[in-house]
Amino acid sequence: MAKRKKKTIEEYPYGICMVSVAPIRRKPDDRSEIVSQMLFGEQVEIIQKKGKNWLSIKCLWDDYPGWIDPKQIVRLTTKNHKALSANGQYALEVQNSILSDNRSQSILLGSTLPGFDGISFSLFGKKFVYYGQVIDPQQTVITTDIFIKIIKKFLYAPYLWGGRSPFGIDCSGYTQIVYKMCGYALPRDSNKQVDHGDTIAFIEEARLGDLAFFENKSGEIIHVGIVLDDQKIIHASGQVRIDKLDHFGIYNQEIRKYSHKLRVIKRILDLKQIKVEEKSAE
């Protein structure tokens, strides 16, 4: 029997996540800190291989580096990568299934469905059927109603350092995945997200969809959330929750004190100009 040819980085420099959610670790060790996550359909560039169990990668959606288990991706040639990147839509259900060959696999909110035609998509010659709601930021414009539906789908999701899914998410992972579904690529961490957008001078001028950033005693950006109407904010702190927001920061009514000190508010999205089909979120 002929030996299976090894896939070299030169021939297969990319990979696509084929599990529901996969950890990205700081070091090539199963005990290492999870710094981010991949969702189904997201792609990475492969930098190097270490042994049989680890690949050093860079996420293509935010250039974030880390280490992954190669068994959780399928390797891609440059040609495959470009073809799968050309047209992608995002799952708009907290959790739903894709069906293929009488096999069901769960995928999560924000997962990428490359080449989805409204019913199915194909990967590596295999057809996957998906009956859930989707959103296509390349074709449509998002209204405030749809934006609210997206952000509230994560409500009460538990806080998880490095998380990017409705089953565990951190503050910057939350803002990143929401903006991803609106067609805007944010960096992974809050201290990099703050470099985007236009500064809002007064909190009274803030509106739905703006990002509010918060600092520690050293003046470092350590937290981010999404501004709502009526001077409220939705953010991941313990869980995705809604709290009061004023010029001091976030006021947590449960503990009756401020939990985060406001540094700056930035406007990146103008919801009056972002297109999304109404039927996508009905």
C-alpha atoms as a PDB file:
ATOM      1  CA  MET A   1       0.000   0.000   0.000  1.00  0.00           C
ATOM      2  CA  ALA A   2       1.318   3.418  -0.984  1.00  0.00           C
ATOM      3  CA  LYS A   3       2.054   5.822   1.845  1.00  0.00           C
ATOM      4  CA  ARG A   4      -0.191   8.851   2.160  1.00  0.00           C
ATOM      5  CA  LYS A   5       1.675  11.978   1.116  1.00  0.00           C
ATOM      6  CA  LYS A   6       2.261  14.455   3.934  1.00  0.00           C
ATOM      7  CA  LYS A   7       0.668  17.863   3.529  1.00  0.00           C
ATOM      8  CA  THR A   8       3.452  20.415   3.648  1.00  0.00           C
ATOM      9  CA  ILE A   9       2.936  24.051   4.623  1.00  0.00           C
ATOM     10  CA  GLU A  10       4.226  25.104   1.201  1.00  0.00           C
ATOM     11  CA  GLU A  11       1.481  23.110  -0.570  1.00  0.00           C
ATOM     12  CA  TYR A  12      -1.239  23.568   2.059  1.00  0.00           C
ATOM     13  CA  PRO A  13      -0.606  26.943   3.749  1.00  0.00           C
ATOM     14  CA  TYR A  14      -4.172  27.434   5.029  1.00  0.00           C
ATOM     15  CA  GLY A  15      -6.768  25.585   7.071  1.00  0.00           C
ATOM     16  CA  ILE A  16     -10.521  25.747   7.685  1.00  0.00           C
ATOM     17  CA  CYS A  17     -12.204  24.895  10.990  1.00  0.00           C
ATOM     18  CA  MET A  18     -14.475  21.861  10.637  1.00  0.00           C
ATOM     19  CA  VAL A  19     -15.672  21.508  14.259  1.00  0.00           C
ATOM     20  CA  SER A  20     -18.284  23.595  16.064  1.00  0.00           C
ATOM     21  CA  VAL A  21     -15.723  25.567  18.053  1.00  0.00           C
ATOM     22  CA  ALA A  22     -11.989  24.979  18.499  1.00  0.00           C
ATOM     23  CA  PRO A  23      -9.583  26.494  21.036  1.00  0.00           C
ATOM     24  CA  ILE A  24      -6.624  28.621  20.005  1.00  0.00           C
ATOM     25  CA  ARG A  25      -3.906  28.339  22.658  1.00  0.00           C
ATOM     26  CA  ARG A  26      -1.041  30.598  23.652  1.00  0.00           C
ATOM     27  CA  LYS A  27       1.474  27.736  23.588  1.00  0.00           C
ATOM     28  CA  PRO A  28       1.556  24.293  21.903  1.00  0.00           C
ATOM     29  CA  ASP A  29       0.235  22.488  24.963  1.00  0.00           C
ATOM     30  CA  ASP A  30      -3.257  21.226  25.864  1.00  0.00           C
ATOM     31  CA  ARG A  31      -2.820  22.836  29.291  1.00  0.00           C
ATOM     32  CA  SER A  32      -1.913  26.220  27.844  1.00  0.00           C
ATOM     33  CA  GLU A  33      -4.203  29.251  28.132  1.00  0.00           C
ATOM     34  CA  ILE A  34      -6.980  29.598  25.545  1.00  0.00           C
ATOM     35  CA  VAL A  35      -6.485  33.013  23.948  1.00  0.00           C
ATOM     36  CA  SER A  36      -9.227  32.785  21.310  1.00  0.00           C
ATOM     37  CA  GLN A  37     -11.463  30.367  19.431  1.00  0.00           C
ATOM     38  CA  MET A  38     -12.259  29.325  15.874  1.00  0.00           C
ATOM     39  CA  LEU A  39     -15.837  28.795  14.778  1.00  0.00           C
ATOM     40  CA  PHE A  40     -16.931  26.419  12.033  1.00  0.00           C
ATOM     41  CA  GLY A  41     -15.926  27.700   8.586  1.00  0.00           C
ATOM     42  CA  GLU A  42     -13.324  30.211   9.754  1.00  0.00           C
ATOM     43  CA  GLN A  43      -9.893  30.022   8.145  1.00  0.00           C
ATOM     44  CA  VAL A  44      -6.318  30.316   9.378  1.00  0.00           C
ATOM     45  CA  GLU A  45      -2.926  30.715   7.788  1.00  0.00           C
ATOM     46  CA  ILE A  46      -0.449  28.057   8.898  1.00  0.00           C
ATOM     47  CA  ILE A  47       2.928  29.391  10.004  1.00  0.00           C
ATOM     48  CA  GLN A  48       4.755  26.302  11.249  1.00  0.00           C
ATOM     49  CA  LYS A  49       4.280  22.778  12.558  1.00  0.00           C
ATOM     50  CA  LYS A  50       5.540  21.417  15.867  1.00  0.00           C
ATOM     51  CA  GLY A  51       5.469  17.656  16.186  1.00  0.00           C
ATOM     52  CA  LYS A  52       2.278  15.806  15.247  1.00  0.00           C
ATOM     53  CA  ASN A  53      -0.086  17.669  17.535  1.00  0.00           C
ATOM     54  CA  TRP A  54       0.384  21.409  16.982  1.00  0.00           C
ATOM     55  CA  LEU A  55       0.252  24.053  14.281  1.00  0.00           C
ATOM     56  CA  SER A  56       1.269  27.674  14.753  1.00  0.00           C
ATOM     57  CA  ILE A  57      -1.371  29.748  12.972  1.00  0.00           C
ATOM     58  CA  LYS A  58      -2.597  33.266  12.258  1.00  0.00           C
ATOM     59  CA  CYS A  59      -6.360  33.813  12.103  1.00  0.00           C
ATOM     60  CA  LEU A  60      -7.392  35.316   8.786  1.00  0.00           C
ATOM     61  CA  TRP A  61     -10.262  37.324  10.292  1.00  0.00           C
ATOM     62  CA  ASP A  62      -8.085  39.299  12.725  1.00  0.00           C
ATOM     63  CA  ASP A  63      -4.412  38.278  12.262  1.00  0.00           C
ATOM     64  CA  TYR A  64      -4.434  36.823  15.783  1.00  0.00           C
ATOM     65  CA  PRO A  65      -1.642  34.274  16.394  1.00  0.00           C
ATOM     66  CA  GLY A  66      -1.795  31.064  18.393  1.00  0.00           C
ATOM     67  CA  TRP A  67      -1.535  27.274  18.352  1.00  0.00           C
ATOM     68  CA  ILE A  68      -4.186  24.767  17.277  1.00  0.00           C
ATOM     69  CA  ASP A  69      -4.710  21.030  17.089  1.00  0.00           C
ATOM     70  CA  PRO A  70      -4.396  20.069  13.379  1.00  0.00           C
ATOM     71  CA  LYS A  71      -7.133  17.445  13.795  1.00  0.00           C
ATOM     72  CA  GLN A  72      -9.707  20.246  14.159  1.00  0.00           C
ATOM     73  CA  ILE A  73      -9.077  21.762  10.733  1.00  0.00           C
ATOM     74  CA  VAL A  74      -8.859  20.624   7.126  1.00  0.00           C
ATOM     75  CA  ARG A  75      -5.762  21.813   5.290  1.00  0.00           C
ATOM     76  CA  LEU A  76      -6.259  24.025   2.224  1.00  0.00           C
ATOM     77  CA  THR A  77      -4.222  24.885  -0.826  1.00  0.00           C
ATOM     78  CA  THR A  78      -4.035  28.555  -1.796  1.00  0.00           C
ATOM     79  CA  LYS A  79      -6.554  27.837  -4.567  1.00  0.00           C
ATOM     80  CA  ASN A  80      -9.010  26.184  -2.134  1.00  0.00           C
ATOM     81  CA  HIS A  81      -8.560  29.030   0.325  1.00  0.00           C
ATOM     82  CA  LYS A  82      -9.389  31.695  -2.261  1.00  0.00           C
ATOM     83  CA  ALA A  83     -12.418  29.763  -3.522  1.00  0.00           C
ATOM     84  CA  LEU A  84     -13.852  29.308  -0.018  1.00  0.00           C
ATOM     85  CA  SER A  85     -13.196  32.948   0.889  1.00  0.00           C
ATOM     86  CA  ALA A  86     -15.063  34.390  -2.084  1.00  0.00           C
ATOM     87  CA  ASN A  87     -18.610  34.105  -0.735  1.00  0.00           C
ATOM     88  CA  GLY A  88     -19.512  33.398   2.865  1.00  0.00           C
ATOM     89  CA  GLN A  89     -22.572  33.910   5.006  1.00  0.00           C
ATOM     90  CA  TYR A  90     -22.885  33.689   8.775  1.00  0.00           C
ATOM     91  CA  ALA A  91     -25.159  31.515  10.886  1.00  0.00           C
ATOM     92  CA  LEU A  92     -27.732  33.618  12.741  1.00  0.00           C
ATOM     93  CA  GLU A  93     -28.939  30.895  15.104  1.00  0.00           C
ATOM     94  CA  VAL A  94     -27.492  30.436  18.595  1.00  0.00           C
ATOM     95  CA  GLN A  95     -27.187  26.755  17.715  1.00  0.00           C
ATOM     96  CA  ASN A  96     -28.402  24.748  14.743  1.00  0.00           C
ATOM     97  CA  SER A  97     -27.283  21.727  12.749  1.00  0.00           C
ATOM     98  CA  ILE A  98     -25.755  21.091   9.364  1.00  0.00           C
ATOM     99  CA  LEU A  99     -26.724  17.790   7.754  1.00  0.00           C
ATOM    100  CA  SER A 100     -24.536  15.667   5.498  1.00  0.00           C
ATOM    101  CA  ASP A 101     -24.819  11.968   4.617  1.00  0.00           C
ATOM    102  CA  ASN A 102     -27.395  11.404   7.376  1.00  0.00           C
ATOM    103  CA  ARG A 103     -24.958  12.938   9.885  1.00  0.00           C
ATOM    104  CA  SER A 104     -25.856  15.955  11.997  1.00  0.00           C
ATOM    105  CA  GLN A 105     -23.279  18.437  13.321  1.00  0.00           C
ATOM    106  CA  SER A 106     -23.994  21.449  15.518  1.00  0.00           C
ATOM    107  CA  ILE A 107     -22.698  24.864  14.507  1.00  0.00           C
ATOM    108  CA  LEU A 108     -22.969  28.086  16.476  1.00  0.00           C
ATOM    109  CA  LEU A 109     -23.931  31.719  16.028  1.00  0.00           C
ATOM    110  CA  GLY A 110     -21.404  33.509  13.811  1.00  0.00           C
ATOM    111  CA  SER A 111     -20.133  30.373  12.050  1.00  0.00           C
ATOM    112  CA  THR A 112     -19.183  30.808   8.395  1.00  0.00           C
ATOM    113  CA  LEU A 113     -21.074  28.989   5.634  1.00  0.00           C
ATOM    114  CA  PRO A 114     -18.904  29.316   2.488  1.00  0.00           C
ATOM    115  CA  GLY A 115     -20.876  29.426  -0.741  1.00  0.00           C
ATOM    116  CA  PHE A 116     -24.240  29.022   0.998  1.00  0.00           C
ATOM    117  CA  ASP A 117     -27.077  29.168  -1.545  1.00  0.00           C
ATOM    118  CA  GLY A 118     -29.985  29.518   0.869  1.00  0.00           C
ATOM    119  CA  ILE A 119     -30.283  25.796   1.556  1.00  0.00           C
ATOM    120  CA  SER A 120     -26.858  24.183   1.306  1.00  0.00           C
ATOM    121  CA  PHE A 121     -23.135  24.619   0.746  1.00  0.00           C
ATOM    122  CA  SER A 122     -20.367  22.256  -0.308  1.00  0.00           C
ATOM    123  CA  LEU A 123     -16.954  21.541   1.196  1.00  0.00           C
ATOM    124  CA  PHE A 124     -14.465  19.080  -0.319  1.00  0.00           C
ATOM    125  CA  GLY A 125     -17.104  17.451  -2.504  1.00  0.00           C
ATOM    126  CA  LYS A 126     -19.532  16.954   0.364  1.00  0.00           C
ATOM    127  CA  LYS A 127     -22.896  18.739   0.520  1.00  0.00           C
ATOM    128  CA  PHE A 128     -24.061  20.274   3.803  1.00  0.00           C
ATOM    129  CA  VAL A 129     -27.699  21.303   4.323  1.00  0.00           C
ATOM    130  CA  TYR A 130     -28.525  24.137   6.737  1.00  0.00           C
ATOM    131  CA  TYR A 131     -32.100  25.253   7.439  1.00  0.00           C
ATOM    132  CA  GLY A 132     -31.327  28.026   9.923  1.00  0.00           C
ATOM    133  CA  GLN A 133     -31.300  31.776   9.494  1.00  0.00           C
ATOM    134  CA  VAL A 134     -28.215  33.428   8.010  1.00  0.00           C
ATOM    135  CA  ILE A 135     -26.880  36.893   7.406  1.00  0.00           C
ATOM    136  CA  ASP A 136     -24.804  38.077   4.442  1.00  0.00           C
ATOM    137  CA  PRO A 137     -23.087  41.413   5.219  1.00  0.00           C
ATOM    138  CA  GLN A 138     -21.711  41.669   1.685  1.00  0.00           C
ATOM    139  CA  GLN A 139     -25.133  41.855   0.084  1.00  0.00           C
ATOM    140  CA  THR A 140     -27.431  43.488   2.594  1.00  0.00           C
ATOM    141  CA  VAL A 141     -27.892  46.493   4.887  1.00  0.00           C
ATOM    142  CA  ILE A 142     -28.402  46.123   8.712  1.00  0.00           C
ATOM    143  CA  THR A 143     -31.220  48.026  10.334  1.00  0.00           C
ATOM    144  CA  THR A 144     -31.266  48.893  14.024  1.00  0.00           C
ATOM    145  CA  ASP A 145     -33.877  46.174  14.627  1.00  0.00           C
ATOM    146  CA  ILE A 146     -31.663  43.488  13.121  1.00  0.00           C
ATOM    147  CA  PHE A 147     -28.606  44.777  14.975  1.00  0.00           C
ATOM    148  CA  ILE A 148     -30.504  44.513  18.269  1.00  0.00           C
ATOM    149  CA  LYS A 149     -31.579  40.963  17.422  1.00  0.00           C
ATOM    150  CA  ILE A 150     -27.965  39.985  16.773  1.00  0.00           C
ATOM    151  CA  ILE A 151     -26.529  41.467  19.962  1.00  0.00           C
ATOM    152  CA  LYS A 152     -29.307  40.066  22.154  1.00  0.00           C
ATOM    153  CA  LYS A 153     -28.815  36.530  20.842  1.00  0.00           C
ATOM    154  CA  PHE A 154     -25.734  36.470  23.089  1.00  0.00           C
ATOM    155  CA  LEU A 155     -27.589  37.744  26.162  1.00  0.00           C
ATOM    156  CA  TYR A 156     -26.762  35.680  29.304  1.00  0.00           C
ATOM    157  CA  ALA A 157     -23.974  33.780  27.531  1.00  0.00           C
ATOM    158  CA  PRO A 158     -21.391  32.879  30.206  1.00  0.00           C
ATOM    159  CA  TYR A 159     -18.113  34.758  30.362  1.00  0.00           C
ATOM    160  CA  LEU A 160     -15.137  32.741  29.124  1.00  0.00           C
ATOM    161  CA  TRP A 161     -11.646  34.159  28.719  1.00  0.00           C
ATOM    162  CA  GLY A 162     -10.738  33.740  25.038  1.00  0.00           C
ATOM    163  CA  GLY A 163     -14.308  32.739  24.110  1.00  0.00           C
ATOM    164  CA  ARG A 164     -16.094  33.765  20.900  1.00  0.00           C
ATOM    165  CA  SER A 165     -19.281  31.680  21.054  1.00  0.00           C
ATOM    166  CA  PRO A 166     -22.705  31.921  22.748  1.00  0.00           C
ATOM    167  CA  PHE A 167     -21.597  29.064  25.032  1.00  0.00           C
ATOM    168  CA  GLY A 168     -18.673  31.103  26.368  1.00  0.00           C
ATOM    169  CA  ILE A 169     -17.419  34.556  25.368  1.00  0.00           C
ATOM    170  CA  ASP A 170     -15.261  37.410  26.621  1.00  0.00           C
ATOM    171  CA  CYS A 171     -15.860  41.134  26.223  1.00  0.00           C
ATOM    172  CA  SER A 172     -13.783  41.720  23.083  1.00  0.00           C
ATOM    173  CA  GLY A 173     -14.797  38.366  21.588  1.00  0.00           C
ATOM    174  CA  TYR A 174     -18.400  39.524  21.902  1.00  0.00           C
ATOM    175  CA  THR A 175     -17.870  42.856  20.167  1.00  0.00           C
ATOM    176  CA  GLN A 176     -15.705  41.209  17.512  1.00  0.00           C
ATOM    177  CA  ILE A 177     -18.220  38.507  16.546  1.00  0.00           C
ATOM    178  CA  VAL A 178     -21.138  40.986  16.470  1.00  0.00           C
ATOM    179  CA  TYR A 179     -19.196  43.328  14.205  1.00  0.00           C
ATOM    180  CA  LYS A 180     -18.112  40.373  12.056  1.00  0.00           C
ATOM    181  CA  MET A 181     -21.761  39.589  11.331  1.00  0.00           C
ATOM    182  CA  CYS A 182     -22.212  43.234  10.353  1.00  0.00           C
ATOM    183  CA  GLY A 183     -19.347  43.028   7.862  1.00  0.00           C
ATOM    184  CA  TYR A 184     -16.660  44.832   9.872  1.00  0.00           C
ATOM    185  CA  ALA A 185     -13.415  43.143  10.968  1.00  0.00           C
ATOM    186  CA  LEU A 186     -12.363  44.178  14.460  1.00  0.00           C
ATOM    187  CA  PRO A 187      -9.101  43.084  16.119  1.00  0.00           C
ATOM    188  CA  ARG A 188      -9.349  40.404  18.787  1.00  0.00           C
ATOM    189  CA  ASP A 189      -8.479  42.443  21.899  1.00  0.00           C
ATOM    190  CA  SER A 190     -10.097  45.572  23.351  1.00  0.00           C
ATOM    191  CA  ASN A 191      -6.806  47.486  23.523  1.00  0.00           C
ATOM    192  CA  LYS A 192      -6.542  47.131  19.737  1.00  0.00           C
ATOM    193  CA  GLN A 193     -10.249  47.646  19.001  1.00  0.00           C
ATOM    194  CA  VAL A 194     -10.038  51.098  20.612  1.00  0.00           C
ATOM    195  CA  ASP A 195      -7.838  52.265  17.707  1.00  0.00           C
ATOM    196  CA  HIS A 196     -10.809  51.984  15.340  1.00  0.00           C
ATOM    197  CA  GLY A 197     -13.605  54.468  14.683  1.00  0.00           C
ATOM    198  CA  ASP A 198     -14.291  58.100  15.535  1.00  0.00           C
ATOM    199  CA  THR A 199     -14.274  59.414  19.081  1.00  0.00           C
ATOM    200  CA  ILE A 200     -17.586  60.530  20.559  1.00  0.00           C
ATOM    201  CA  ALA A 201     -16.989  63.630  22.708  1.00  0.00           C
ATOM    202  CA  PHE A 202     -19.983  63.339  25.036  1.00  0.00           C
ATOM    203  CA  ILE A 203     -21.846  60.294  26.244  1.00  0.00           C
ATOM    204  CA  GLU A 204     -25.133  62.041  25.428  1.00  0.00           C
ATOM    205  CA  GLU A 205     -24.111  61.842  21.754  1.00  0.00           C
ATOM    206  CA  ALA A 206     -23.501  58.068  21.881  1.00  0.00           C
ATOM    207  CA  ARG A 207     -25.982  55.847  20.092  1.00  0.00           C
ATOM    208  CA  LEU A 208     -26.816  52.229  19.448  1.00  0.00           C
ATOM    209  CA  GLY A 209     -23.867  50.273  18.091  1.00  0.00           C
ATOM    210  CA  ASP A 210     -21.078  52.510  19.392  1.00  0.00           C
ATOM    211  CA  LEU A 211     -18.301  50.821  21.354  1.00  0.00           C
ATOM    212  CA  ALA A 212     -17.493  51.989  24.883  1.00  0.00           C
ATOM    213  CA  PHE A 213     -13.994  51.259  26.230  1.00  0.00           C
ATOM    214  CA  PHE A 214     -12.964  51.080  29.867  1.00  0.00           C
ATOM    215  CA  GLU A 215      -9.642  51.402  31.657  1.00  0.00           C
ATOM    216  CA  ASN A 216      -7.915  50.134  34.781  1.00  0.00           C
ATOM    217  CA  LYS A 217      -6.081  52.229  37.380  1.00  0.00           C
ATOM    218  CA  SER A 218      -3.014  52.285  35.147  1.00  0.00           C
ATOM    219  CA  GLY A 219      -4.975  53.745  32.236  1.00  0.00           C
ATOM    220  CA  GLU A 220      -4.859  50.537  30.181  1.00  0.00           C
ATOM    221  CA  ILE A 221      -7.896  49.529  28.117  1.00  0.00           C
ATOM    222  CA  ILE A 222      -9.220  46.323  29.707  1.00  0.00           C
ATOM    223  CA  HIS A 223     -12.920  46.138  28.759  1.00  0.00           C
ATOM    224  CA  VAL A 224     -15.322  46.943  25.931  1.00  0.00           C
ATOM    225  CA  GLY A 225     -19.081  46.834  25.414  1.00  0.00           C
ATOM    226  CA  ILE A 226     -21.782  47.868  22.930  1.00  0.00           C
ATOM    227  CA  VAL A 227     -23.792  51.003  23.627  1.00  0.00           C
ATOM    228  CA  LEU A 228     -27.574  50.648  23.693  1.00  0.00           C
ATOM    229  CA  ASP A 229     -30.266  53.313  23.726  1.00  0.00           C
ATOM    230  CA  ASP A 230     -31.290  55.068  26.980  1.00  0.00           C
ATOM    231  CA  GLN A 231     -27.694  55.166  28.291  1.00  0.00           C
ATOM    232  CA  LYS A 232     -27.343  51.425  28.703  1.00  0.00           C
ATOM    233  CA  ILE A 233     -24.655  49.008  27.617  1.00  0.00           C
ATOM    234  CA  ILE A 234     -24.518  45.308  26.755  1.00  0.00           C
ATOM    235  CA  HIS A 235     -21.216  43.640  27.606  1.00  0.00           C
ATOM    236  CA  ALA A 236     -19.612  40.387  28.767  1.00  0.00           C
ATOM    237  CA  SER A 237     -18.825  40.526  32.481  1.00  0.00           C
ATOM    238  CA  GLY A 238     -19.620  37.293  34.313  1.00  0.00           C
ATOM    239  CA  GLN A 239     -22.157  36.842  31.544  1.00  0.00           C
ATOM    240  CA  VAL A 240     -23.428  38.943  28.662  1.00  0.00           C
ATOM    241  CA  ARG A 241     -25.577  41.454  30.518  1.00  0.00           C
ATOM    242  CA  ILE A 242     -27.186  44.878  30.240  1.00  0.00           C
ATOM    243  CA  ASP A 243     -26.174  47.614  32.687  1.00  0.00           C
ATOM    244  CA  LYS A 244     -26.442  51.361  33.064  1.00  0.00           C
ATOM    245  CA  LEU A 245     -23.802  53.559  31.405  1.00  0.00           C
ATOM    246  CA  ASP A 246     -22.881  57.147  32.267  1.00  0.00           C
ATOM    247  CA  HIS A 247     -19.823  59.408  32.010  1.00  0.00           C
ATOM    248  CA  PHE A 248     -18.221  57.626  34.992  1.00  0.00           C
ATOM    249  CA  GLY A 249     -18.621  54.144  33.548  1.00  0.00           C
ATOM    250  CA  ILE A 250     -20.751  51.014  33.993  1.00  0.00           C
ATOM    251  CA  TYR A 251     -23.028  50.994  37.012  1.00  0.00           C
ATOM    252  CA  ASN A 252     -24.023  47.525  38.189  1.00  0.00           C
ATOM    253  CA  GLN A 253     -27.353  47.773  40.006  1.00  0.00           C
ATOM    254  CA  GLU A 254     -26.962  44.309  41.553  1.00  0.00           C
ATOM    255  CA  ILE A 255     -23.853  45.274  43.510  1.00  0.00           C
ATOM    256  CA  ARG A 256     -24.813  48.982  43.616  1.00  0.00           C
ATOM    257  CA  LYS A 257     -21.491  50.322  42.432  1.00  0.00           C
ATOM    258  CA  TYR A 258     -19.467  51.058  39.314  1.00  0.00           C
ATOM    259  CA  SER A 259     -17.767  47.995  37.866  1.00  0.00           C
ATOM    260  CA  HIS A 260     -15.790  49.642  35.037  1.00  0.00           C
ATOM    261  CA  LYS A 261     -14.345  53.147  34.505  1.00  0.00           C
ATOM    262  CA  LEU A 262     -15.171  54.737  31.138  1.00  0.00           C
ATOM    263  CA  ARG A 263     -12.255  55.855  28.985  1.00  0.00           C
ATOM    264  CA  VAL A 264     -13.706  56.619  25.540  1.00  0.00           C
ATOM    265  CA  ILE A 265     -16.604  55.885  23.187  1.00  0.00           C
ATOM    266  CA  LYS A 266     -15.933  55.135  19.525  1.00  0.00           C
ATOM    267  CA  ARG A 267     -18.280  55.074  16.536  1.00  0.00           C
ATOM    268  CA  ILE A 268     -17.369  52.507  13.894  1.00  0.00           C
ATOM    269  CA  LEU A 269     -20.748  51.442  12.484  1.00  0.00           C
ATOM    270  CA  ASP A 270     -23.426  53.812  11.263  1.00  0.00           C
ATOM    271  CA  LEU A 271     -26.553  51.684  11.433  1.00  0.00           C
ATOM    272  CA  LYS A 272     -28.388  53.989   9.048  1.00  0.00           C
ATOM    273  CA  GLN A 273     -25.952  52.970   6.307  1.00  0.00           C
ATOM    274  CA  ILE A 274     -25.425  49.253   6.923  1.00  0.00           C
ATOM    275  CA  LYS A 275     -27.500  46.956   4.751  1.00  0.00           C
ATOM    276  CA  VAL A 276     -29.036  43.680   5.801  1.00  0.00           C
ATOM    277  CA  GLU A 277     -32.115  42.029   4.415  1.00  0.00           C
ATOM    278  CA  GLU A 278     -35.020  42.228   6.890  1.00  0.00           C
ATOM    279  CA  LYS A 279     -36.032  38.660   6.070  1.00  0.00           C
ATOM    280  CA  SER A 280     -32.669  37.328   7.276  1.00  0.00           C
ATOM    281  CA  ALA A 281     -33.558  37.878  10.927  1.00  0.00           C
ATOM    282  CA  GLU A 282     -37.302  37.381  10.950  1.00  0.00           C
END
